Amino acid sequence: MLTGLHARFKEPWLVDAACVGVDTKLFFPGRGRTPAPAKKICGGCPVRVDCLEYAIRENVQGGVLGGESDRARRKMRSQRRKEGRL
């Protein structure tokens, strides 16, 4: 049985992710909760860049993916649009 983000997104690179088996709620902490634990896990993840690119490309709303918050990813998407890369 797949758990965590792997079960939610079903991307092949996720089998190597540091978050495999970690409760998904950690990455979607909700208002008033710190994303620091999720960002710490992402910081040492071997597929962090793949995860971040997926979240930007698929416009994943909310949560911490690829070590970045939804707000940070929105800024990245906006910048890429301006540069014609999205």
C-alpha atoms as a PDB file:
ATOM      1  CA  MET A   1       0.000   0.000   0.000  1.00  0.00           C
ATOM      2  CA  LEU A   2       1.342   3.434  -0.925  1.00  0.00           C
ATOM      3  CA  THR A   3       1.334   6.099   1.751  1.00  0.00           C
ATOM      4  CA  GLY A   4       1.982   9.801   2.058  1.00  0.00           C
ATOM      5  CA  LEU A   5       2.600  11.958  -0.974  1.00  0.00           C
ATOM      6  CA  HIS A   6       3.371   8.941  -3.167  1.00  0.00           C
ATOM      7  CA  ALA A   7      -0.220   7.737  -2.797  1.00  0.00           C
ATOM      8  CA  ARG A   8      -1.520  11.218  -3.503  1.00  0.00           C
ATOM      9  CA  PHE A   9       0.522  12.101  -6.616  1.00  0.00           C
ATOM     10  CA  LYS A  10       1.677   8.724  -8.050  1.00  0.00           C
ATOM     11  CA  GLU A  11       4.864  10.017  -9.680  1.00  0.00           C
ATOM     12  CA  PRO A  12       7.594   7.405 -10.360  1.00  0.00           C
ATOM     13  CA  TRP A  13      10.415   9.486  -8.847  1.00  0.00           C
ATOM     14  CA  LEU A  14       8.584   9.567  -5.522  1.00  0.00           C
ATOM     15  CA  VAL A  15       9.823   6.074  -4.635  1.00  0.00           C
ATOM     16  CA  ASP A  16      13.191   7.740  -3.902  1.00  0.00           C
ATOM     17  CA  ALA A  17      11.690  10.674  -1.996  1.00  0.00           C
ATOM     18  CA  ALA A  18      12.561  11.346   1.624  1.00  0.00           C
ATOM     19  CA  CYS A  19       8.851  11.741   2.361  1.00  0.00           C
ATOM     20  CA  VAL A  20       7.860   8.172   1.515  1.00  0.00           C
ATOM     21  CA  GLY A  21       5.895   6.834   4.451  1.00  0.00           C
ATOM     22  CA  VAL A  22       5.639  10.231   6.153  1.00  0.00           C
ATOM     23  CA  ASP A  23       2.127  11.429   7.000  1.00  0.00           C
ATOM     24  CA  THR A  24       0.897  13.725   4.212  1.00  0.00           C
ATOM     25  CA  LYS A  25      -0.521  16.117   6.812  1.00  0.00           C
ATOM     26  CA  LEU A  26       3.034  17.177   7.632  1.00  0.00           C
ATOM     27  CA  PHE A  27       3.358  18.658   4.122  1.00  0.00           C
ATOM     28  CA  PHE A  28      -0.038  20.350   4.247  1.00  0.00           C
ATOM     29  CA  PRO A  29       0.180  21.847   7.750  1.00  0.00           C
ATOM     30  CA  GLY A  30      -2.766  24.227   7.517  1.00  0.00           C
ATOM     31  CA  ARG A  31      -3.185  27.766   8.696  1.00  0.00           C
ATOM     32  CA  GLY A  32      -1.185  28.726  11.753  1.00  0.00           C
ATOM     33  CA  ARG A  33       1.073  25.660  11.683  1.00  0.00           C
ATOM     34  CA  THR A  34       4.735  25.705  10.797  1.00  0.00           C
ATOM     35  CA  PRO A  35       5.982  24.121   7.569  1.00  0.00           C
ATOM     36  CA  ALA A  36       9.482  23.778   9.064  1.00  0.00           C
ATOM     37  CA  PRO A  37       9.355  19.986   9.633  1.00  0.00           C
ATOM     38  CA  ALA A  38       8.306  19.398   6.012  1.00  0.00           C
ATOM     39  CA  LYS A  39      10.956  21.764   4.692  1.00  0.00           C
ATOM     40  CA  LYS A  40      13.585  19.966   6.774  1.00  0.00           C
ATOM     41  CA  ILE A  41      12.631  16.622   5.198  1.00  0.00           C
ATOM     42  CA  CYS A  42      12.660  18.177   1.734  1.00  0.00           C
ATOM     43  CA  GLY A  43      16.050  19.757   2.365  1.00  0.00           C
ATOM     44  CA  GLY A  44      17.785  16.391   2.283  1.00  0.00           C
ATOM     45  CA  CYS A  45      15.633  14.765  -0.364  1.00  0.00           C
ATOM     46  CA  PRO A  46      17.345  13.343  -3.474  1.00  0.00           C
ATOM     47  CA  VAL A  47      14.323  14.144  -5.683  1.00  0.00           C
ATOM     48  CA  ARG A  48      13.546  17.611  -4.310  1.00  0.00           C
ATOM     49  CA  VAL A  49      14.051  19.278  -7.693  1.00  0.00           C
ATOM     50  CA  ASP A  50      11.738  16.769  -9.430  1.00  0.00           C
ATOM     51  CA  CYS A  51       9.105  17.364  -6.768  1.00  0.00           C
ATOM     52  CA  LEU A  52       9.366  21.139  -7.070  1.00  0.00           C
ATOM     53  CA  GLU A  53       9.172  21.003 -10.867  1.00  0.00           C
ATOM     54  CA  TYR A  54       6.117  18.749 -10.658  1.00  0.00           C
ATOM     55  CA  ALA A  55       4.395  21.099  -8.197  1.00  0.00           C
ATOM     56  CA  ILE A  56       5.080  24.114 -10.411  1.00  0.00           C
ATOM     57  CA  ARG A  57       4.121  22.369 -13.661  1.00  0.00           C
ATOM     58  CA  GLU A  58       0.914  20.860 -12.249  1.00  0.00           C
ATOM     59  CA  ASN A  59       0.033  23.981 -10.244  1.00  0.00           C
ATOM     60  CA  VAL A  60      -0.334  22.013  -7.003  1.00  0.00           C
ATOM     61  CA  GLN A  61      -2.200  24.212  -4.534  1.00  0.00           C
ATOM     62  CA  GLY A  62      -1.172  24.417  -0.907  1.00  0.00           C
ATOM     63  CA  GLY A  63       1.396  22.570   1.088  1.00  0.00           C
ATOM     64  CA  VAL A  64       5.141  22.190   0.929  1.00  0.00           C
ATOM     65  CA  LEU A  65       6.484  20.412  -2.136  1.00  0.00           C
ATOM     66  CA  GLY A  66      10.084  20.440  -3.289  1.00  0.00           C
ATOM     67  CA  GLY A  67      10.928  22.332  -0.120  1.00  0.00           C
ATOM     68  CA  GLU A  68       8.866  25.353  -1.122  1.00  0.00           C
ATOM     69  CA  SER A  69       5.554  26.712   0.104  1.00  0.00           C
ATOM     70  CA  ASP A  70       2.586  27.326  -2.158  1.00  0.00           C
ATOM     71  CA  ARG A  71       3.284  31.060  -2.009  1.00  0.00           C
ATOM     72  CA  ALA A  72       6.889  30.577  -3.147  1.00  0.00           C
ATOM     73  CA  ARG A  73       5.786  28.258  -5.960  1.00  0.00           C
ATOM     74  CA  ARG A  74       3.210  30.824  -7.148  1.00  0.00           C
ATOM     75  CA  LYS A  75       5.992  33.403  -7.394  1.00  0.00           C
ATOM     76  CA  MET A  76       8.127  30.936  -9.352  1.00  0.00           C
ATOM     77  CA  ARG A  77       5.253  30.185 -11.756  1.00  0.00           C
ATOM     78  CA  SER A  78       4.626  33.890 -12.243  1.00  0.00           C
ATOM     79  CA  GLN A  79       8.304  34.542 -12.974  1.00  0.00           C
ATOM     80  CA  ARG A  80       8.442  31.655 -15.433  1.00  0.00           C
ATOM     81  CA  ARG A  81       5.357  32.963 -17.244  1.00  0.00           C
ATOM     82  CA  LYS A  82       7.000  36.389 -17.571  1.00  0.00           C
ATOM     83  CA  GLU A  83      10.100  34.714 -18.980  1.00  0.00           C
ATOM     84  CA  GLY A  84       8.056  32.549 -21.350  1.00  0.00           C
ATOM     85  CA  ARG A  85       9.186  29.326 -19.685  1.00  0.00           C
ATOM     86  CA  LEU A  86       5.741  28.125 -18.618  1.00  0.00           C
END
